[in-house]
Protein backbone atom coordinates (compact mmCIF):
# COMPACT_ATOMS: atom_id res chain seq x y z
CA MET A 1 -15.41 -29.42 -29.24
CA ASP A 2 -15.13 -29.89 -32.99
CA GLU A 3 -16.81 -33.03 -34.41
CA ASP A 4 -13.52 -34.29 -36.37
CA LEU A 5 -11.71 -33.99 -32.94
CA ARG A 6 -14.59 -36.13 -30.55
CA ASP A 7 -13.36 -39.54 -31.06
CA CYS A 8 -9.20 -38.32 -31.20
CA ALA A 9 -7.31 -38.64 -28.49
CA THR A 10 -3.49 -38.84 -27.08
CA ASP A 11 -1.37 -38.82 -24.24
CA CYS A 12 0.34 -36.07 -22.84
CA ARG A 13 2.76 -35.77 -19.74
CA LEU A 14 1.77 -33.07 -16.96
CA HIS A 15 4.57 -31.86 -14.10
CA TYR A 16 2.96 -30.86 -11.13
CA GLN A 17 4.97 -28.71 -8.51
CA LEU A 18 3.62 -26.82 -5.09
CA ARG A 19 5.62 -23.49 -5.17
CA LEU A 20 5.21 -22.24 -1.18
CA ILE A 21 6.34 -18.11 -0.50
CA THR A 22 5.88 -17.39 2.85
CA ASN A 23 7.29 -15.35 5.29
CA MET A 24 5.88 -18.04 8.14
CA THR A 25 9.72 -18.19 9.55
CA ALA A 26 10.75 -14.47 8.73
CA GLU A 27 7.46 -13.43 10.51
CA LEU A 28 8.12 -15.76 13.80
CA GLN A 29 11.86 -14.90 13.91
CA THR A 30 10.66 -11.39 13.99
CA GLN A 31 7.65 -11.04 15.93
CA LEU A 32 8.62 -13.44 18.78
CA ASP A 33 12.09 -12.91 19.05
CA LEU A 34 12.90 -12.82 23.38
CA GLU A 35 12.99 -15.64 25.31
CA ALA A 36 9.75 -15.22 27.02
CA ASP A 37 8.63 -15.86 23.63
CA LEU A 38 10.28 -19.14 23.24
CA ALA A 39 7.63 -21.60 24.14
CA VAL A 40 4.31 -19.99 22.36
CA SER A 41 6.72 -19.33 19.18
CA ARG A 42 7.65 -23.58 18.84
CA ALA A 43 3.51 -24.11 19.56
CA LEU A 44 3.06 -21.56 16.99
CA GLU A 45 5.26 -22.91 14.16
CA GLU A 46 4.39 -26.55 15.00
CA TYR A 47 0.25 -25.70 14.57
CA LEU A 48 1.51 -23.64 11.46
CA LYS A 49 3.87 -26.43 9.73
CA SER A 50 0.87 -28.28 8.69
CA ILE A 51 -0.62 -25.58 7.05
CA PHE A 52 2.36 -23.85 5.03
CA THR A 53 3.96 -26.74 3.61
CA ASP A 54 4.98 -27.84 -0.13
CA ARG A 55 3.29 -31.20 0.13
CA ALA A 56 0.23 -32.17 -1.26
CA HIS A 57 -1.84 -34.79 -0.65
CA ASP A 58 -4.47 -34.55 -3.12
CA VAL A 59 -5.31 -32.93 -6.46
CA ASP A 60 -8.23 -32.37 -8.35
CA LEU A 61 -7.21 -31.54 -12.15
CA SER A 62 -10.05 -29.75 -14.58
CA PHE A 63 -9.99 -29.49 -17.98
CA TYR A 64 -12.26 -26.80 -19.79
CA ASP A 65 -13.30 -26.12 -23.06
CA VAL A 66 -11.81 -22.60 -24.10
CA GLY A 67 -14.45 -21.08 -26.45
CA ALA A 68 -18.30 -19.59 -25.59
CA ASN A 69 -19.13 -22.13 -23.77
CA PRO A 70 -16.02 -23.15 -21.66
CA VAL A 71 -17.61 -26.76 -19.88
CA ARG A 72 -15.51 -29.13 -18.30
CA LEU A 73 -14.50 -31.65 -21.06
CA HIS A 74 -12.25 -34.00 -18.28
CA HIS A 75 -11.88 -34.52 -14.96
CA GLU A 76 -9.53 -36.56 -12.46
CA GLN A 77 -8.87 -36.71 -9.21
CA HIS A 78 -5.26 -38.00 -7.81
CA ILE A 79 -3.43 -38.54 -4.55
CA MET A 80 -0.47 -36.86 -4.98
CA ASP A 81 1.46 -37.10 -1.38
CA ALA A 82 4.36 -35.12 -2.35
CA ASN A 83 5.88 -32.03 -3.64
CA GLN A 84 5.94 -32.90 -7.16
CA THR A 85 4.59 -35.09 -9.39
CA SER A 86 3.92 -36.16 -13.15
CA TYR A 87 0.90 -37.48 -14.41
CA THR A 88 0.64 -39.16 -18.10
CA LEU A 89 -3.23 -38.11 -19.27
CA TYR A 90 -4.91 -39.45 -22.32
CA ILE A 91 -7.21 -37.02 -23.29
CA PRO A 92 -8.86 -35.14 -26.25
CA VAL A 93 -6.78 -33.22 -28.59
CA HIS A 94 -7.90 -30.13 -28.14
CA ARG A 95 -7.45 -25.90 -26.88
CA TYR A 96 -8.16 -25.93 -22.91
CA MET A 97 -7.67 -24.13 -19.57
CA HIS A 98 -6.37 -26.42 -17.07
CA VAL A 99 -7.27 -25.77 -13.74
CA ALA A 100 -5.57 -27.48 -10.83
CA VAL A 101 -6.18 -27.47 -6.87
CA ALA A 102 -4.45 -29.49 -3.99
CA ASN A 103 -5.12 -30.30 -0.05
CA LEU A 104 -8.92 -29.71 -0.82
CA GLU A 105 -9.32 -33.38 1.37
CA GLY A 106 -9.48 -32.38 5.07
CA ASN A 107 -9.61 -28.40 4.78
CA GLY A 108 -12.96 -28.79 6.45
CA ALA A 109 -14.35 -25.09 6.18
CA VAL A 110 -14.16 -24.56 1.85
CA GLN A 111 -15.20 -26.62 -0.98
CA LEU A 112 -15.27 -27.11 -4.73
CA ALA A 113 -18.21 -25.19 -5.91
CA ASP A 114 -19.53 -25.07 -9.49
CA ASP A 115 -16.93 -26.76 -10.62
CA GLY A 116 -18.80 -27.79 -14.29
CA TYR A 117 -17.63 -24.59 -16.21
CA SER A 118 -14.68 -22.53 -16.25
CA ASN A 119 -15.93 -19.46 -15.43
CA THR A 120 -18.28 -20.74 -12.60
CA THR A 121 -15.35 -22.84 -10.92
CA HIS A 122 -14.60 -21.41 -7.15
CA LEU A 123 -13.39 -22.27 -3.61
CA ARG A 124 -16.06 -21.30 -1.40
CA GLN A 125 -15.71 -21.23 2.45
CA GLN A 126 -18.81 -22.50 4.33
CA ALA A 127 -21.66 -20.12 3.97
CA ALA A 128 -21.97 -18.82 8.12
CA ASP A 129 -21.72 -15.78 10.22
CA THR A 130 -19.38 -17.49 11.75
CA VAL A 131 -17.09 -20.07 10.14
CA ASP A 132 -13.74 -22.53 11.97
CA VAL A 133 -10.05 -22.10 10.60
CA GLN A 134 -9.29 -23.98 7.13
CA ARG A 135 -7.44 -27.17 8.62
CA SER A 136 -5.04 -27.58 5.06
CA GLY A 137 -3.20 -25.15 3.08
CA LEU A 138 -4.80 -24.76 -0.41
CA PHE A 139 -2.59 -24.81 -3.82
CA SER A 140 -3.91 -23.60 -7.28
CA ALA A 141 -3.18 -23.26 -10.59
CA ARG A 142 -4.22 -22.65 -14.20
CA LEU A 143 -2.69 -22.96 -17.43
CA PRO A 144 -4.03 -22.55 -20.74
CA MET A 145 -3.01 -25.81 -23.16
CA GLU A 146 -3.15 -27.21 -26.27
CA VAL A 147 -2.97 -31.11 -26.75
CA GLN A 148 -1.86 -31.95 -30.40
CA GLU A 149 -2.27 -35.13 -32.39
CA ASP A 150 1.39 -37.06 -32.95
CA LEU A 151 2.83 -35.20 -30.90
CA ASP A 152 5.12 -36.28 -27.46
CA GLN A 153 3.74 -32.62 -25.57
CA GLU A 154 4.61 -32.49 -21.73
CA PHE A 155 3.49 -29.18 -19.64
CA ASN A 156 4.28 -27.77 -16.66
CA VAL A 157 2.21 -26.90 -14.14
CA ARG A 158 2.94 -24.69 -10.89
CA LEU A 159 0.55 -24.39 -7.89
CA TYR A 160 0.61 -21.53 -5.63
CA MET A 161 -0.87 -21.13 -1.91
CA ALA A 162 -4.54 -19.46 -2.10
CA ASN A 163 -4.58 -18.91 1.85
CA CYS A 164 -3.03 -17.87 4.69
CA ALA A 165 -3.46 -17.20 8.38
CA ALA A 166 -3.25 -14.56 11.04
CA ALA A 167 -1.98 -15.18 14.81
CA VAL A 168 -2.65 -13.12 18.17
CA VAL A 169 -0.30 -13.82 20.93
CA LEU A 170 -1.15 -12.81 23.99
CA ASP A 171 0.73 -11.78 27.60
CA THR A 172 -2.01 -11.97 29.87
CA LEU A 173 0.57 -11.85 32.83
CA GLY A 174 -0.91 -9.70 35.99
CA SER A 175 -4.53 -9.46 34.05
CA HIS A 176 -5.98 -12.06 35.77
CA VAL A 177 -9.12 -12.22 33.03
CA ARG A 178 -11.40 -15.51 33.10
CA ASP A 179 -11.33 -16.46 29.79
CA ILE A 180 -10.35 -15.53 26.05
CA ARG A 181 -12.03 -15.75 22.90
CA VAL A 182 -10.75 -14.29 19.39
CA VAL A 183 -12.26 -13.73 16.18
CA GLY A 184 -10.74 -12.32 12.70
CA THR A 185 -12.66 -10.45 9.91
CA GLY A 186 -12.27 -8.98 6.79
CA PHE A 187 -11.09 -11.80 4.40
CA ALA A 188 -12.37 -12.77 1.16
CA SER A 189 -14.97 -15.87 1.13
CA SER A 190 -14.20 -17.11 -2.01
CA PHE A 191 -11.44 -17.52 -4.67
CA SER A 192 -12.07 -17.85 -8.59
CA LEU A 193 -10.12 -19.97 -10.20
CA ALA A 194 -10.27 -19.05 -13.58
CA ASP A 195 -9.07 -15.61 -13.13
CA SER A 196 -7.28 -16.09 -9.46
CA THR A 197 -9.60 -13.50 -7.65
CA PHE A 198 -10.64 -13.05 -4.45
CA ARG A 199 -14.08 -12.10 -3.57
CA PHE A 200 -15.42 -10.79 -0.72
CA GLU A 201 -19.14 -11.83 -1.36
CA ARG A 202 -20.56 -12.69 2.30
CA PRO A 203 -18.64 -10.70 5.29
CA SER A 204 -18.15 -13.50 7.47
CA VAL A 205 -16.19 -13.94 11.29
CA ILE A 206 -13.25 -16.71 11.61
CA ARG A 207 -13.38 -18.67 14.41
CA ALA A 208 -10.02 -18.53 15.73
CA GLU A 209 -8.16 -21.66 17.26
CA LYS A 210 -6.01 -21.73 20.49
CA VAL A 211 -3.27 -22.92 20.08
CA PRO A 212 -1.22 -25.15 22.70
CA VAL A 213 1.03 -23.40 24.74
CA GLU A 214 3.45 -25.89 27.01
CA GLY A 215 4.89 -23.22 29.70
CA GLY A 216 5.91 -19.26 29.44
CA THR A 217 3.27 -16.33 30.29
CA GLU A 218 1.59 -16.17 26.67
CA SER A 219 -1.27 -17.50 24.97
CA CYS A 220 -1.53 -17.70 21.17
CA TYR A 221 -5.12 -18.02 18.87
CA VAL A 222 -4.58 -18.23 14.71
CA THR A 223 -7.41 -17.79 12.28
CA VAL A 224 -6.67 -19.70 8.75
CA ASN A 225 -8.71 -18.49 6.28
CA PHE A 226 -8.28 -16.77 2.89
CA PRO A 227 -6.59 -13.31 2.15
CA SER A 228 -7.82 -9.52 3.12
CA ARG A 229 -8.22 -7.05 0.67
CA ASP A 230 -5.31 -5.85 -1.22
CA VAL A 231 -6.93 -1.94 -0.99
CA VAL A 232 -9.79 -0.47 1.10
CA ALA A 233 -13.26 -1.55 -1.11
CA ALA A 234 -13.99 2.76 -0.96
CA SER A 235 -11.66 5.53 -1.55
CA LYS A 236 -11.26 7.74 1.48
CA ALA A 237 -12.33 11.36 1.59
CA ASP A 238 -9.15 13.47 1.01
CA GLY A 239 -7.30 13.73 4.97
CA GLU A 240 -9.28 10.60 6.31
CA GLU A 241 -7.70 8.24 8.24
CA SER A 242 -7.83 5.48 5.84
CA PRO A 243 -9.62 2.30 7.71
CA ALA A 244 -8.51 -0.82 8.61
CA LEU A 245 -8.31 -3.78 5.93
CA TRP A 246 -8.72 -6.96 8.64
CA GLN A 247 -9.16 -6.98 12.03
CA MET A 248 -8.38 -9.58 14.61
CA ARG A 249 -11.25 -9.39 17.79
CA VAL A 250 -9.99 -10.16 21.31
CA TYR A 251 -12.66 -10.76 23.51
CA ALA A 252 -11.49 -11.02 27.40
CA THR A 253 -13.92 -11.95 30.27
CA LEU A 254 -12.77 -10.41 33.61
CA PRO A 255 -13.30 -11.93 37.15
CA GLY A 256 -16.37 -9.84 37.75
CA GLY A 257 -17.79 -11.33 34.70
CA SER A 258 -17.65 -8.41 32.24
CA VAL A 259 -16.23 -8.62 28.95
CA THR A 260 -13.72 -5.99 26.72
CA GLU A 261 -13.97 -6.02 23.58
CA SER A 262 -10.09 -5.11 22.02
CA VAL A 263 -10.42 -4.57 18.37
CA LEU A 264 -6.88 -4.78 16.43
CA GLN A 265 -7.42 -2.88 13.26
CA VAL A 266 -4.23 -4.23 10.53
CA LYS A 267 -4.00 -1.63 7.66
CA GLU A 268 -1.29 -3.55 5.88
CA PRO A 269 -2.87 -6.58 3.44
CA LEU A 270 -2.42 -10.12 4.49
CA GLN A 271 -1.51 -12.08 1.12
CA ALA A 272 -1.82 -15.43 0.34
CA GLY A 273 0.90 -17.43 1.35
CA ARG A 274 1.71 -15.21 3.92
CA VAL A 275 1.66 -14.80 8.10
CA LYS A 276 0.62 -11.96 10.24
CA ILE A 277 1.59 -12.16 14.10
CA ILE A 278 0.34 -9.48 16.30
CA LYS A 279 2.12 -9.54 19.92
CA CYS A 280 -0.12 -7.79 22.27
CA ARG A 281 0.13 -7.52 26.20
CA MET A 282 -3.33 -7.39 28.20
CA ASN A 283 -4.09 -5.51 31.07
CA ARG A 284 -6.28 -5.57 34.24
CA GLN A 285 -9.17 -3.90 31.93
CA GLY A 286 -9.06 -6.40 29.64
CA GLU A 287 -7.60 -4.17 26.86
CA ALA A 288 -4.92 -6.44 24.51
CA VAL A 289 -2.49 -3.30 23.41
CA PRO A 290 -0.15 -4.03 20.48
CA ALA A 291 3.38 -4.43 21.09
CA ASP A 292 3.19 -2.91 17.06
CA ALA A 293 2.49 0.25 16.90
CA SER A 294 1.07 -0.05 13.15
CA VAL A 295 -2.14 -1.90 14.37
CA GLY A 296 -4.58 0.36 15.80
CA LEU A 297 -6.58 -0.61 18.91
CA ALA A 298 -10.50 0.19 19.53
CA VAL A 299 -11.76 -0.69 23.09
CA ARG A 300 -14.75 -1.35 23.99
CA LEU A 301 -15.44 -2.16 27.83
CA ASP A 302 -18.43 -4.33 29.39
CA TRP A 303 -18.98 -5.11 25.45
CA GLN A 304 -22.60 -7.36 25.21
CA SER A 305 -22.55 -10.26 22.81
CA GLY A 306 -26.21 -8.76 21.86
CA GLY A 307 -24.37 -6.06 20.24
CA GLU A 308 -22.21 -8.12 18.78
CA HIS A 309 -22.08 -7.40 15.04
CA ILE A 310 -19.43 -7.45 11.41
CA ILE A 311 -18.09 -4.38 10.06
CA ASP A 312 -17.80 -3.67 6.61
CA LEU A 313 -14.44 -3.08 5.80
């Protein structure tokens, strides 16, 4: 910071608003449109409404130098509990890169990391081979701003969602399976806040959570996580089928004790703020057969847990 500005501070007004852009309602209505889907649709909507919400509970506000040493110069945390609010901040006159994050508290799986500098600050998922779902809808914003002396300044900060969800809905009527386990793979492990870039440094498995459903013959399993890649990591040769961007894997234990693995392969990217529902019918062999023909299926009968591994998508 310039020497003559070290002791020169002023008030500025910042207006914060969460902008929720999601397909949740449309996806529920499109994929779960039958009378038989009513119970699971209600249960899934109830589960997701706390994730896909336009209210922020907590906000973390950082102001970084925009020079060669992008160190954090000012930091505040507030309880917002609203869709929008305003704060009057007393901060030094300076040019900043402002970064804001909402709903970190209670997320469980994600934390703010390396936030002393703008070029390193990011949201980082737990470092583990298998991780739990994220339990809050994360929102973030970045805004270049110049705070000037002797001016009444106001800044508008709009926060957008940084995570998403995938759900597998299984009709198990007649399948006689004893147990079902679902996981998701192919999702980002961190989110760089200064350039809004998702990163895939550490492949991991997201342990899907079973949604309580009252009535009907369908069960539902959900992951809440960072998005998938928008395109495949490496180009495929001409004429070769494009690989999946992400997967949901269903493990069904049959009455005899054997396990069937169904790998649901999705080529459509799962982006921030979006929900993808994959509806399947489970047969007597424990295969989860998707209703959507665009979702690929690879099945392994008598799957052994010792052979489980993460596929590099």
